[in-house]
PDB file of N, CA and C in Angstrom:
ATOM      1  N   MET A   1     -42.806 -49.578  30.050  1.00  0.00           N
ATOM      2  CA  MET A   1     -41.891 -48.481  30.202  1.00  0.00           C
ATOM      3  C   MET A   1     -41.397 -48.111  28.923  1.00  0.00           C
ATOM      4  N   LEU A   2     -41.246 -49.003  27.826  1.00  0.00           N
ATOM      5  CA  LEU A   2     -40.651 -48.391  26.441  1.00  0.00           C
ATOM      6  C   LEU A   2     -41.776 -47.563  25.832  1.00  0.00           C
ATOM      7  N   LEU A   3     -42.991 -47.719  26.142  1.00  0.00           N
ATOM      8  CA  LEU A   3     -44.095 -46.864  25.571  1.00  0.00           C
ATOM      9  C   LEU A   3     -44.097 -45.491  26.194  1.00  0.00           C
ATOM     10  N   VAL A   4     -43.848 -45.487  27.510  1.00  0.00           N
ATOM     11  CA  VAL A   4     -43.658 -44.279  27.992  1.00  0.00           C
ATOM     12  C   VAL A   4     -42.554 -43.476  27.585  1.00  0.00           C
ATOM     13  N   THR A   5     -41.271 -43.831  27.362  1.00  0.00           N
ATOM     14  CA  THR A   5     -40.174 -43.482  26.836  1.00  0.00           C
ATOM     15  C   THR A   5     -40.492 -42.889  25.313  1.00  0.00           C
ATOM     16  N   TRP A   6     -41.246 -43.586  24.737  1.00  0.00           N
ATOM     17  CA  TRP A   6     -41.606 -43.286  23.229  1.00  0.00           C
ATOM     18  C   TRP A   6     -42.599 -42.032  23.339  1.00  0.00           C
ATOM     19  N   VAL A   7     -43.372 -41.939  24.185  1.00  0.00           N
ATOM     20  CA  VAL A   7     -44.459 -40.864  24.381  1.00  0.00           C
ATOM     21  C   VAL A   7     -43.577 -39.645  24.826  1.00  0.00           C
ATOM     22  N   VAL A   8     -42.555 -39.685  25.666  1.00  0.00           N
ATOM     23  CA  VAL A   8     -41.775 -38.706  26.154  1.00  0.00           C
ATOM     24  C   VAL A   8     -40.891 -38.135  24.856  1.00  0.00           C
ATOM     25  N   PHE A   9     -40.217 -38.935  23.999  1.00  0.00           N
ATOM     26  CA  PHE A   9     -39.474 -38.726  22.818  1.00  0.00           C
ATOM     27  C   PHE A   9     -40.295 -37.844  21.934  1.00  0.00           C
ATOM     28  N   TYR A  10     -41.585 -38.332  21.575  1.00  0.00           N
ATOM     29  CA  TYR A  10     -42.311 -37.799  20.758  1.00  0.00           C
ATOM     30  C   TYR A  10     -43.017 -36.434  20.907  1.00  0.00           C
ATOM     31  N   THR A  11     -43.432 -36.484  22.366  1.00  0.00           N
ATOM     32  CA  THR A  11     -43.818 -34.999  22.926  1.00  0.00           C
ATOM     33  C   THR A  11     -42.610 -33.870  22.668  1.00  0.00           C
ATOM     34  N   VAL A  12     -41.171 -34.472  22.953  1.00  0.00           N
ATOM     35  CA  VAL A  12     -40.131 -33.609  22.682  1.00  0.00           C
ATOM     36  C   VAL A  12     -40.238 -33.074  21.203  1.00  0.00           C
ATOM     37  N   VAL A  13     -40.141 -33.980  20.244  1.00  0.00           N
ATOM     38  CA  VAL A  13     -40.190 -33.809  18.752  1.00  0.00           C
ATOM     39  C   VAL A  13     -41.315 -32.799  18.476  1.00  0.00           C
ATOM     40  N   LYS A  14     -42.575 -33.284  18.997  1.00  0.00           N
ATOM     41  CA  LYS A  14     -43.761 -31.961  18.836  1.00  0.00           C
ATOM     42  C   LYS A  14     -43.506 -30.868  19.432  1.00  0.00           C
ATOM     43  N   MET A  15     -43.041 -30.454  20.456  1.00  0.00           N
ATOM     44  CA  MET A  15     -42.604 -29.436  20.992  1.00  0.00           C
ATOM     45  C   MET A  15     -41.689 -28.689  20.383  1.00  0.00           C
ATOM     46  N   VAL A  16     -40.676 -29.213  19.767  1.00  0.00           N
ATOM     47  CA  VAL A  16     -39.588 -28.427  19.094  1.00  0.00           C
ATOM     48  C   VAL A  16     -40.145 -27.996  17.735  1.00  0.00           C
ATOM     49  N   GLU A  17     -40.985 -28.891  17.138  1.00  0.00           N
ATOM     50  CA  GLU A  17     -41.959 -28.505  15.771  1.00  0.00           C
ATOM     51  C   GLU A  17     -42.744 -27.448  16.012  1.00  0.00           C
ATOM     52  N   GLY A  18     -43.641 -27.304  17.251  1.00  0.00           N
ATOM     53  CA  GLY A  18     -44.489 -26.329  17.580  1.00  0.00           C
ATOM     54  C   GLY A  18     -43.631 -24.963  17.622  1.00  0.00           C
ATOM     55  N   LEU A  19     -42.742 -24.931  18.247  1.00  0.00           N
ATOM     56  CA  LEU A  19     -41.803 -23.655  18.871  1.00  0.00           C
ATOM     57  C   LEU A  19     -41.317 -23.201  17.483  1.00  0.00           C
ATOM     58  N   MET A  20     -40.886 -24.069  16.533  1.00  0.00           N
ATOM     59  CA  MET A  20     -40.154 -23.611  15.013  1.00  0.00           C
ATOM     60  C   MET A  20     -41.387 -22.996  14.550  1.00  0.00           C
ATOM     61  N   HIS A  21     -42.551 -23.454  14.415  1.00  0.00           N
ATOM     62  CA  HIS A  21     -43.505 -22.860  13.558  1.00  0.00           C
ATOM     63  C   HIS A  21     -44.049 -21.690  14.439  1.00  0.00           C
ATOM     64  N   ASP A  22     -44.357 -21.557  15.566  1.00  0.00           N
ATOM     65  CA  ASP A  22     -44.798 -20.171  16.384  1.00  0.00           C
ATOM     66  C   ASP A  22     -43.764 -19.271  16.148  1.00  0.00           C
ATOM     67  N   LYS A  23     -42.390 -19.868  15.998  1.00  0.00           N
ATOM     68  CA  LYS A  23     -41.229 -18.500  16.138  1.00  0.00           C
ATOM     69  C   LYS A  23     -40.983 -18.321  14.619  1.00  0.00           C
ATOM     70  N   GLU A  24     -41.476 -19.125  13.485  1.00  0.00           N
ATOM     71  CA  GLU A  24     -41.281 -18.861  12.227  1.00  0.00           C
ATOM     72  C   GLU A  24     -39.736 -19.439  11.914  1.00  0.00           C
ATOM     73  N   ILE A  25     -39.221 -20.518  12.536  1.00  0.00           N
ATOM     74  CA  ILE A  25     -37.961 -20.855  12.162  1.00  0.00           C
ATOM     75  C   ILE A  25     -37.826 -21.739  11.048  1.00  0.00           C
ATOM     76  N   THR A  26     -37.167 -21.308  10.098  1.00  0.00           N
ATOM     77  CA  THR A  26     -37.263 -21.903   8.881  1.00  0.00           C
ATOM     78  C   THR A  26     -35.778 -22.709   8.499  1.00  0.00           C
ATOM     79  N   ILE A  27     -34.752 -22.681   9.510  1.00  0.00           N
ATOM     80  CA  ILE A  27     -33.640 -23.382   9.335  1.00  0.00           C
ATOM     81  C   ILE A  27     -33.671 -24.658   9.913  1.00  0.00           C
ATOM     82  N   PRO A  28     -33.100 -25.700   9.185  1.00  0.00           N
ATOM     83  CA  PRO A  28     -33.244 -27.222   9.878  1.00  0.00           C
ATOM     84  C   PRO A  28     -32.732 -27.074  11.005  1.00  0.00           C
ATOM     85  N   VAL A  29     -33.331 -28.005  11.855  1.00  0.00           N
ATOM     86  CA  VAL A  29     -33.018 -28.213  13.393  1.00  0.00           C
ATOM     87  C   VAL A  29     -32.719 -29.701  13.909  1.00  0.00           C
ATOM     88  N   ALA A  30     -31.472 -30.063  14.388  1.00  0.00           N
ATOM     89  CA  ALA A  30     -31.379 -31.331  14.811  1.00  0.00           C
ATOM     90  C   ALA A  30     -31.868 -31.654  16.069  1.00  0.00           C
ATOM     91  N   ILE A  31     -32.632 -32.890  16.295  1.00  0.00           N
ATOM     92  CA  ILE A  31     -32.927 -33.302  17.689  1.00  0.00           C
ATOM     93  C   ILE A  31     -32.418 -34.545  17.901  1.00  0.00           C
ATOM     94  N   HIS A  32     -31.388 -34.431  19.095  1.00  0.00           N
ATOM     95  CA  HIS A  32     -30.375 -35.479  19.215  1.00  0.00           C
ATOM     96  C   HIS A  32     -30.754 -36.279  20.358  1.00  0.00           C
ATOM     97  N   LEU A  33     -30.764 -37.775  20.561  1.00  0.00           N
ATOM     98  CA  LEU A  33     -30.770 -38.432  21.571  1.00  0.00           C
ATOM     99  C   LEU A  33     -29.295 -38.608  22.099  1.00  0.00           C
ATOM    100  N   ASP A  34     -28.779 -38.168  23.249  1.00  0.00           N
ATOM    101  CA  ASP A  34     -27.595 -38.315  23.887  1.00  0.00           C
ATOM    102  C   ASP A  34     -27.560 -39.518  24.782  1.00  0.00           C
ATOM    103  N   HIS A  35     -26.585 -40.207  24.597  1.00  0.00           N
ATOM    104  CA  HIS A  35     -26.143 -41.352  25.517  1.00  0.00           C
ATOM    105  C   HIS A  35     -27.505 -42.344  25.686  1.00  0.00           C
ATOM    106  N   GLY A  36     -27.952 -42.887  24.431  1.00  0.00           N
ATOM    107  CA  GLY A  36     -29.180 -43.808  24.392  1.00  0.00           C
ATOM    108  C   GLY A  36     -28.452 -45.311  24.836  1.00  0.00           C
ATOM    109  N   SER A  37     -28.761 -45.806  25.822  1.00  0.00           N
ATOM    110  CA  SER A  37     -28.082 -46.844  26.553  1.00  0.00           C
ATOM    111  C   SER A  37     -28.456 -48.301  25.926  1.00  0.00           C
ATOM    112  N   SER A  38     -29.418 -48.193  24.767  1.00  0.00           N
ATOM    113  CA  SER A  38     -29.825 -49.540  24.134  1.00  0.00           C
ATOM    114  C   SER A  38     -30.216 -49.443  22.710  1.00  0.00           C
ATOM    115  N   PHE A  39     -30.142 -50.393  22.095  1.00  0.00           N
ATOM    116  CA  PHE A  39     -30.888 -50.496  20.609  1.00  0.00           C
ATOM    117  C   PHE A  39     -32.249 -49.868  20.728  1.00  0.00           C
ATOM    118  N   GLU A  40     -32.974 -50.502  21.656  1.00  0.00           N
ATOM    119  CA  GLU A  40     -34.399 -49.802  21.792  1.00  0.00           C
ATOM    120  C   GLU A  40     -34.463 -48.291  21.901  1.00  0.00           C
ATOM    121  N   LYS A  41     -33.794 -48.036  22.936  1.00  0.00           N
ATOM    122  CA  LYS A  41     -34.194 -46.707  23.293  1.00  0.00           C
ATOM    123  C   LYS A  41     -33.564 -45.851  22.050  1.00  0.00           C
ATOM    124  N   CYS A  42     -32.526 -46.068  21.231  1.00  0.00           N
ATOM    125  CA  CYS A  42     -32.215 -45.223  20.038  1.00  0.00           C
ATOM    126  C   CYS A  42     -33.340 -45.641  18.940  1.00  0.00           C
ATOM    127  N   LYS A  43     -33.898 -46.565  19.012  1.00  0.00           N
ATOM    128  CA  LYS A  43     -35.167 -47.103  18.036  1.00  0.00           C
ATOM    129  C   LYS A  43     -36.232 -46.079  18.410  1.00  0.00           C
ATOM    130  N   GLU A  44     -36.679 -46.041  19.739  1.00  0.00           N
ATOM    131  CA  GLU A  44     -37.782 -45.349  19.968  1.00  0.00           C
ATOM    132  C   GLU A  44     -37.372 -43.906  19.772  1.00  0.00           C
ATOM    133  N   ALA A  45     -36.355 -43.346  19.881  1.00  0.00           N
ATOM    134  CA  ALA A  45     -36.124 -41.823  19.784  1.00  0.00           C
ATOM    135  C   ALA A  45     -36.171 -41.708  17.974  1.00  0.00           C
ATOM    136  N   ILE A  46     -35.795 -42.683  17.190  1.00  0.00           N
ATOM    137  CA  ILE A  46     -35.840 -42.363  15.802  1.00  0.00           C
ATOM    138  C   ILE A  46     -37.314 -42.503  15.306  1.00  0.00           C
ATOM    139  N   ASP A  47     -38.095 -43.574  15.890  1.00  0.00           N
ATOM    140  CA  ASP A  47     -39.471 -43.501  15.874  1.00  0.00           C
ATOM    141  C   ASP A  47     -40.222 -42.566  16.091  1.00  0.00           C
ATOM    142  N   ALA A  48     -39.628 -41.496  16.870  1.00  0.00           N
ATOM    143  CA  ALA A  48     -40.527 -40.370  17.488  1.00  0.00           C
ATOM    144  C   ALA A  48     -40.012 -39.230  16.553  1.00  0.00           C
ATOM    145  N   GLY A  49     -39.242 -39.509  15.765  1.00  0.00           N
ATOM    146  CA  GLY A  49     -38.979 -38.243  14.981  1.00  0.00           C
ATOM    147  C   GLY A  49     -37.270 -37.739  15.183  1.00  0.00           C
ATOM    148  N   PHE A  50     -36.505 -38.150  16.117  1.00  0.00           N
ATOM    149  CA  PHE A  50     -35.278 -37.614  16.329  1.00  0.00           C
ATOM    150  C   PHE A  50     -34.544 -37.760  15.218  1.00  0.00           C
ATOM    151  N   THR A  51     -33.630 -36.951  14.809  1.00  0.00           N
ATOM    152  CA  THR A  51     -32.758 -36.928  13.522  1.00  0.00           C
ATOM    153  C   THR A  51     -31.281 -37.315  13.958  1.00  0.00           C
ATOM    154  N   SER A  52     -31.094 -37.382  15.214  1.00  0.00           N
ATOM    155  CA  SER A  52     -29.563 -37.840  15.503  1.00  0.00           C
ATOM    156  C   SER A  52     -29.798 -38.767  16.863  1.00  0.00           C
ATOM    157  N   VAL A  53     -28.889 -39.917  16.662  1.00  0.00           N
ATOM    158  CA  VAL A  53     -28.970 -40.416  18.003  1.00  0.00           C
ATOM    159  C   VAL A  53     -27.550 -40.728  18.275  1.00  0.00           C
ATOM    160  N   MET A  54     -27.198 -40.898  19.802  1.00  0.00           N
ATOM    161  CA  MET A  54     -25.922 -41.490  20.213  1.00  0.00           C
ATOM    162  C   MET A  54     -26.038 -42.852  21.000  1.00  0.00           C
ATOM    163  N   ILE A  55     -25.587 -43.827  20.483  1.00  0.00           N
ATOM    164  CA  ILE A  55     -25.631 -45.154  21.229  1.00  0.00           C
ATOM    165  C   ILE A  55     -24.456 -45.386  22.230  1.00  0.00           C
ATOM    166  N   ASP A  56     -24.689 -45.405  23.462  1.00  0.00           N
ATOM    167  CA  ASP A  56     -23.546 -45.510  24.329  1.00  0.00           C
ATOM    168  C   ASP A  56     -23.454 -46.862  24.986  1.00  0.00           C
ATOM    169  N   ALA A  57     -22.888 -47.557  24.154  1.00  0.00           N
ATOM    170  CA  ALA A  57     -22.645 -49.251  24.656  1.00  0.00           C
ATOM    171  C   ALA A  57     -21.354 -49.420  25.250  1.00  0.00           C
ATOM    172  N   SER A  58     -20.739 -48.327  25.557  1.00  0.00           N
ATOM    173  CA  SER A  58     -19.456 -48.376  26.119  1.00  0.00           C
ATOM    174  C   SER A  58     -19.304 -49.108  27.512  1.00  0.00           C
ATOM    175  N   HIS A  59     -20.538 -49.488  28.081  1.00  0.00           N
ATOM    176  CA  HIS A  59     -20.360 -50.131  29.298  1.00  0.00           C
ATOM    177  C   HIS A  59     -20.491 -51.666  28.986  1.00  0.00           C
ATOM    178  N   ASP A  60     -20.613 -52.063  27.751  1.00  0.00           N
ATOM    179  CA  ASP A  60     -20.726 -53.710  27.234  1.00  0.00           C
ATOM    180  C   ASP A  60     -19.263 -53.978  26.913  1.00  0.00           C
ATOM    181  N   PRO A  61     -18.731 -54.983  26.523  1.00  0.00           N
ATOM    182  CA  PRO A  61     -17.650 -55.649  26.077  1.00  0.00           C
ATOM    183  C   PRO A  61     -17.442 -55.177  24.619  1.00  0.00           C
ATOM    184  N   PHE A  62     -16.128 -54.723  24.155  1.00  0.00           N
ATOM    185  CA  PHE A  62     -16.109 -54.216  22.926  1.00  0.00           C
ATOM    186  C   PHE A  62     -16.778 -54.888  21.745  1.00  0.00           C
ATOM    187  N   GLU A  63     -16.719 -56.307  21.462  1.00  0.00           N
ATOM    188  CA  GLU A  63     -17.465 -57.018  20.483  1.00  0.00           C
ATOM    189  C   GLU A  63     -19.101 -56.662  20.641  1.00  0.00           C
ATOM    190  N   GLU A  64     -19.524 -56.735  21.750  1.00  0.00           N
ATOM    191  CA  GLU A  64     -21.109 -56.486  21.967  1.00  0.00           C
ATOM    192  C   GLU A  64     -21.355 -55.059  21.697  1.00  0.00           C
ATOM    193  N   ASN A  65     -20.394 -54.250  22.183  1.00  0.00           N
ATOM    194  CA  ASN A  65     -20.534 -52.588  21.878  1.00  0.00           C
ATOM    195  C   ASN A  65     -20.577 -52.588  20.173  1.00  0.00           C
ATOM    196  N   VAL A  66     -19.630 -53.288  19.388  1.00  0.00           N
ATOM    197  CA  VAL A  66     -19.924 -53.138  17.989  1.00  0.00           C
ATOM    198  C   VAL A  66     -21.145 -53.639  17.601  1.00  0.00           C
ATOM    199  N   ALA A  67     -21.439 -54.958  17.881  1.00  0.00           N
ATOM    200  CA  ALA A  67     -22.912 -55.324  17.299  1.00  0.00           C
ATOM    201  C   ALA A  67     -24.086 -54.455  17.708  1.00  0.00           C
ATOM    202  N   THR A  68     -24.054 -53.932  18.928  1.00  0.00           N
ATOM    203  CA  THR A  68     -25.159 -53.192  19.142  1.00  0.00           C
ATOM    204  C   THR A  68     -25.289 -51.724  18.264  1.00  0.00           C
ATOM    205  N   THR A  69     -23.982 -51.319  18.177  1.00  0.00           N
ATOM    206  CA  THR A  69     -23.761 -50.035  17.177  1.00  0.00           C
ATOM    207  C   THR A  69     -24.276 -50.187  15.961  1.00  0.00           C
ATOM    208  N   ALA A  70     -23.571 -51.426  15.237  1.00  0.00           N
ATOM    209  CA  ALA A  70     -24.007 -51.996  13.901  1.00  0.00           C
ATOM    210  C   ALA A  70     -25.594 -51.964  13.818  1.00  0.00           C
ATOM    211  N   LYS A  71     -26.250 -52.464  14.721  1.00  0.00           N
ATOM    212  CA  LYS A  71     -27.653 -52.471  14.667  1.00  0.00           C
ATOM    213  C   LYS A  71     -28.427 -51.096  14.599  1.00  0.00           C
ATOM    214  N   VAL A  72     -27.773 -50.224  15.376  1.00  0.00           N
ATOM    215  CA  VAL A  72     -28.324 -48.844  15.659  1.00  0.00           C
ATOM    216  C   VAL A  72     -28.121 -48.348  14.207  1.00  0.00           C
ATOM    217  N   VAL A  73     -26.905 -48.531  13.865  1.00  0.00           N
ATOM    218  CA  VAL A  73     -26.628 -47.723  12.619  1.00  0.00           C
ATOM    219  C   VAL A  73     -27.381 -48.237  11.479  1.00  0.00           C
ATOM    220  N   GLU A  74     -27.469 -49.414  11.457  1.00  0.00           N
ATOM    221  CA  GLU A  74     -28.461 -49.943  10.101  1.00  0.00           C
ATOM    222  C   GLU A  74     -29.758 -49.151  10.430  1.00  0.00           C
ATOM    223  N   TYR A  75     -30.720 -49.456  11.300  1.00  0.00           N
ATOM    224  CA  TYR A  75     -31.725 -48.977  11.476  1.00  0.00           C
ATOM    225  C   TYR A  75     -32.155 -47.267  11.455  1.00  0.00           C
ATOM    226  N   ALA A  76     -30.934 -46.790  12.057  1.00  0.00           N
ATOM    227  CA  ALA A  76     -30.972 -45.225  11.800  1.00  0.00           C
ATOM    228  C   ALA A  76     -30.687 -44.833  10.265  1.00  0.00           C
ATOM    229  N   HIS A  77     -29.788 -45.373   9.627  1.00  0.00           N
ATOM    230  CA  HIS A  77     -29.597 -44.997   8.217  1.00  0.00           C
ATOM    231  C   HIS A  77     -30.629 -45.221   7.424  1.00  0.00           C
ATOM    232  N   GLU A  78     -31.446 -46.327   7.787  1.00  0.00           N
ATOM    233  CA  GLU A  78     -32.591 -46.594   6.960  1.00  0.00           C
ATOM    234  C   GLU A  78     -33.633 -45.548   7.202  1.00  0.00           C
ATOM    235  N   HIS A  79     -33.670 -44.838   8.186  1.00  0.00           N
ATOM    236  CA  HIS A  79     -34.707 -43.765   8.383  1.00  0.00           C
ATOM    237  C   HIS A  79     -33.837 -42.308   8.345  1.00  0.00           C
ATOM    238  N   GLY A  80     -32.807 -42.531   7.853  1.00  0.00           N
ATOM    239  CA  GLY A  80     -32.013 -41.020   7.491  1.00  0.00           C
ATOM    240  C   GLY A  80     -31.651 -40.351   8.712  1.00  0.00           C
ATOM    241  N   VAL A  81     -31.168 -40.997   9.694  1.00  0.00           N
ATOM    242  CA  VAL A  81     -30.868 -40.525  10.916  1.00  0.00           C
ATOM    243  C   VAL A  81     -29.379 -40.740  11.166  1.00  0.00           C
ATOM    244  N   SER A  82     -28.696 -39.812  11.630  1.00  0.00           N
ATOM    245  CA  SER A  82     -27.229 -39.852  12.129  1.00  0.00           C
ATOM    246  C   SER A  82     -26.857 -40.519  13.207  1.00  0.00           C
ATOM    247  N   VAL A  83     -25.666 -41.168  13.198  1.00  0.00           N
ATOM    248  CA  VAL A  83     -25.547 -41.895  14.556  1.00  0.00           C
ATOM    249  C   VAL A  83     -24.155 -41.427  15.112  1.00  0.00           C
ATOM    250  N   GLU A  84     -24.118 -41.493  16.466  1.00  0.00           N
ATOM    251  CA  GLU A  84     -22.763 -41.279  17.288  1.00  0.00           C
ATOM    252  C   GLU A  84     -22.361 -42.520  18.286  1.00  0.00           C
ATOM    253  N   ALA A  85     -21.354 -42.899  18.439  1.00  0.00           N
ATOM    254  CA  ALA A  85     -21.010 -44.134  19.342  1.00  0.00           C
ATOM    255  C   ALA A  85     -19.897 -43.562  20.270  1.00  0.00           C
ATOM    256  N   GLU A  86     -19.735 -44.564  21.187  1.00  0.00           N
ATOM    257  CA  GLU A  86     -19.095 -44.366  22.371  1.00  0.00           C
ATOM    258  C   GLU A  86     -17.937 -45.497  22.837  1.00  0.00           C
ATOM    259  N   LEU A  87     -16.721 -45.292  22.746  1.00  0.00           N
ATOM    260  CA  LEU A  87     -15.921 -46.212  23.291  1.00  0.00           C
ATOM    261  C   LEU A  87     -15.428 -45.574  24.547  1.00  0.00           C
ATOM    262  N   GLY A  88     -14.930 -46.401  25.605  1.00  0.00           N
ATOM    263  CA  GLY A  88     -14.372 -45.674  26.735  1.00  0.00           C
ATOM    264  C   GLY A  88     -15.388 -45.295  27.737  1.00  0.00           C
ATOM    265  N   THR A  89     -14.944 -44.877  28.982  1.00  0.00           N
ATOM    266  CA  THR A  89     -15.652 -44.212  29.733  1.00  0.00           C
ATOM    267  C   THR A  89     -14.992 -43.214  30.695  1.00  0.00           C
ATOM    268  N   VAL A  90     -15.838 -42.065  31.064  1.00  0.00           N
ATOM    269  CA  VAL A  90     -15.034 -40.708  31.844  1.00  0.00           C
ATOM    270  C   VAL A  90     -15.304 -41.021  33.263  1.00  0.00           C
ATOM    271  N   GLY A  91     -16.403 -42.028  33.623  1.00  0.00           N
ATOM    272  CA  GLY A  91     -16.964 -42.140  34.990  1.00  0.00           C
ATOM    273  C   GLY A  91     -17.821 -41.216  35.378  1.00  0.00           C
ATOM    274  N   GLY A  92     -18.665 -41.615  36.350  1.00  0.00           N
ATOM    275  CA  GLY A  92     -19.908 -40.809  36.804  1.00  0.00           C
ATOM    276  C   GLY A  92     -21.196 -41.287  36.100  1.00  0.00           C
ATOM    277  N   GLN A  93     -22.187 -40.611  35.969  1.00  0.00           N
ATOM    278  CA  GLN A  93     -23.356 -40.908  35.414  1.00  0.00           C
ATOM    279  C   GLN A  93     -23.872 -39.915  34.477  1.00  0.00           C
ATOM    280  N   GLU A  94     -24.345 -40.245  33.379  1.00  0.00           N
ATOM    281  CA  GLU A  94     -24.841 -39.238  32.325  1.00  0.00           C
ATOM    282  C   GLU A  94     -26.091 -40.075  31.838  1.00  0.00           C
ATOM    283  N   ASP A  95     -27.296 -39.076  31.893  1.00  0.00           N
ATOM    284  CA  ASP A  95     -28.649 -39.928  31.749  1.00  0.00           C
ATOM    285  C   ASP A  95     -28.648 -41.211  32.388  1.00  0.00           C
ATOM    286  N   ASP A  96     -28.893 -42.280  31.729  1.00  0.00           N
ATOM    287  CA  ASP A  96     -29.271 -43.610  32.472  1.00  0.00           C
ATOM    288  C   ASP A  96     -28.032 -44.497  32.323  1.00  0.00           C
ATOM    289  N   VAL A  97     -26.727 -43.916  32.049  1.00  0.00           N
ATOM    290  CA  VAL A  97     -25.349 -44.790  31.862  1.00  0.00           C
ATOM    291  C   VAL A  97     -24.659 -44.320  33.181  1.00  0.00           C
ATOM    292  N   VAL A  98     -24.404 -45.345  33.822  1.00  0.00           N
ATOM    293  CA  VAL A  98     -23.462 -44.893  34.956  1.00  0.00           C
ATOM    294  C   VAL A  98     -22.235 -45.676  34.567  1.00  0.00           C
ATOM    295  N   ALA A  99     -20.968 -45.165  35.021  1.00  0.00           N
ATOM    296  CA  ALA A  99     -19.756 -45.947  34.868  1.00  0.00           C
ATOM    297  C   ALA A  99     -18.885 -45.306  36.098  1.00  0.00           C
ATOM    298  N   GLU A 100     -17.976 -46.246  36.437  1.00  0.00           N
ATOM    299  CA  GLU A 100     -16.982 -46.080  37.341  1.00  0.00           C
ATOM    300  C   GLU A 100     -15.650 -46.005  37.066  1.00  0.00           C
ATOM    301  N   GLY A 101     -14.796 -44.734  37.393  1.00  0.00           N
ATOM    302  CA  GLY A 101     -13.433 -44.708  37.052  1.00  0.00           C
ATOM    303  C   GLY A 101     -13.318 -44.418  35.552  1.00  0.00           C
ATOM    304  N   VAL A 102     -12.360 -44.188  35.222  1.00  0.00           N
ATOM    305  CA  VAL A 102     -11.682 -43.366  33.773  1.00  0.00           C
ATOM    306  C   VAL A 102     -11.138 -44.759  32.743  1.00  0.00           C
ATOM    307  N   ILE A 103     -11.762 -44.929  31.940  1.00  0.00           N
ATOM    308  CA  ILE A 103     -11.173 -45.823  30.994  1.00  0.00           C
ATOM    309  C   ILE A 103     -10.976 -45.322  29.508  1.00  0.00           C
ATOM    310  N   TYR A 104      -9.874 -45.019  29.031  1.00  0.00           N
ATOM    311  CA  TYR A 104      -9.624 -44.559  27.819  1.00  0.00           C
ATOM    312  C   TYR A 104      -9.881 -45.227  26.675  1.00  0.00           C
ATOM    313  N   ALA A 105     -10.493 -44.853  25.808  1.00  0.00           N
ATOM    314  CA  ALA A 105     -10.839 -45.515  24.389  1.00  0.00           C
ATOM    315  C   ALA A 105      -9.428 -46.010  23.895  1.00  0.00           C
ATOM    316  N   ASP A 106      -9.206 -47.281  23.249  1.00  0.00           N
ATOM    317  CA  ASP A 106      -8.398 -47.614  22.515  1.00  0.00           C
ATOM    318  C   ASP A 106      -8.407 -47.203  21.158  1.00  0.00           C
ATOM    319  N   PRO A 107      -7.304 -46.458  20.415  1.00  0.00           N
ATOM    320  CA  PRO A 107      -7.451 -45.841  19.238  1.00  0.00           C
ATOM    321  C   PRO A 107      -7.672 -47.065  18.138  1.00  0.00           C
ATOM    322  N   LYS A 108      -7.023 -48.178  18.372  1.00  0.00           N
ATOM    323  CA  LYS A 108      -7.217 -49.304  17.340  1.00  0.00           C
ATOM    324  C   LYS A 108      -8.613 -49.587  17.535  1.00  0.00           C
ATOM    325  N   GLU A 109      -9.318 -49.838  18.766  1.00  0.00           N
ATOM    326  CA  GLU A 109     -10.656 -50.134  18.855  1.00  0.00           C
ATOM    327  C   GLU A 109     -11.572 -49.324  18.119  1.00  0.00           C
ATOM    328  N   CYS A 110     -11.297 -47.819  18.462  1.00  0.00           N
ATOM    329  CA  CYS A 110     -12.051 -46.938  17.707  1.00  0.00           C
ATOM    330  C   CYS A 110     -11.834 -47.033  16.234  1.00  0.00           C
ATOM    331  N   GLN A 111     -10.871 -47.152  15.701  1.00  0.00           N
ATOM    332  CA  GLN A 111     -10.651 -47.448  14.090  1.00  0.00           C
ATOM    333  C   GLN A 111     -11.481 -48.731  13.738  1.00  0.00           C
ATOM    334  N   GLU A 112     -11.674 -49.837  14.474  1.00  0.00           N
ATOM    335  CA  GLU A 112     -12.142 -50.878  14.313  1.00  0.00           C
ATOM    336  C   GLU A 112     -13.649 -50.713  14.314  1.00  0.00           C
ATOM    337  N   LEU A 113     -14.344 -50.071  15.296  1.00  0.00           N
ATOM    338  CA  LEU A 113     -15.832 -49.610  15.421  1.00  0.00           C
ATOM    339  C   LEU A 113     -16.042 -48.878  13.944  1.00  0.00           C
ATOM    340  N   VAL A 114     -15.414 -47.893  13.825  1.00  0.00           N
ATOM    341  CA  VAL A 114     -15.771 -47.176  12.609  1.00  0.00           C
ATOM    342  C   VAL A 114     -15.880 -48.066  11.289  1.00  0.00           C
ATOM    343  N   GLU A 115     -14.766 -48.684  11.223  1.00  0.00           N
ATOM    344  CA  GLU A 115     -14.668 -49.585   9.973  1.00  0.00           C
ATOM    345  C   GLU A 115     -15.680 -50.809   9.714  1.00  0.00           C
ATOM    346  N   LYS A 116     -16.203 -51.382  10.937  1.00  0.00           N
ATOM    347  CA  LYS A 116     -17.461 -52.007  11.004  1.00  0.00           C
ATOM    348  C   LYS A 116     -18.662 -51.514  10.974  1.00  0.00           C
ATOM    349  N   ASN A 117     -18.912 -50.515  10.785  1.00  0.00           N
ATOM    350  CA  ASN A 117     -20.225 -49.401  11.056  1.00  0.00           C
ATOM    351  C   ASN A 117     -20.202 -48.563   9.847  1.00  0.00           C
ATOM    352  N   TRP A 118     -19.196 -48.295   9.263  1.00  0.00           N
ATOM    353  CA  TRP A 118     -18.980 -47.140   8.097  1.00  0.00           C
ATOM    354  C   TRP A 118     -19.866 -47.842   6.668  1.00  0.00           C
ATOM    355  N   TYR A 119     -20.786 -46.981   6.277  1.00  0.00           N
ATOM    356  CA  TYR A 119     -21.211 -47.309   5.000  1.00  0.00           C
ATOM    357  C   TYR A 119     -22.068 -46.384   4.431  1.00  0.00           C
TER     358      TYR A 119
END
């Protein structure tokens, strides 16, 4: 299954690059993975050429979320890729992340997440 995901990510990158070439677009374009549900998914997107990823480990306990985010940040920054992270949930389904109810992010946890992953 992971290889299939990488192939899809790679295809998206190549389609965007092809369109940019055909339309003679010369300004930089970001290709962003939104709501990546695991380190592995974010890694696949990075390896395929995405320039930005969002790790959504908000479904995990806080400490696990911080650890997963740290792993993604380390790998992404080694490859020049920016990272967005998520705390709290809004409810519903987005991509392959399902959450029930509304759980607001705790501002102190937000600060801690940034402090542990900022470099």
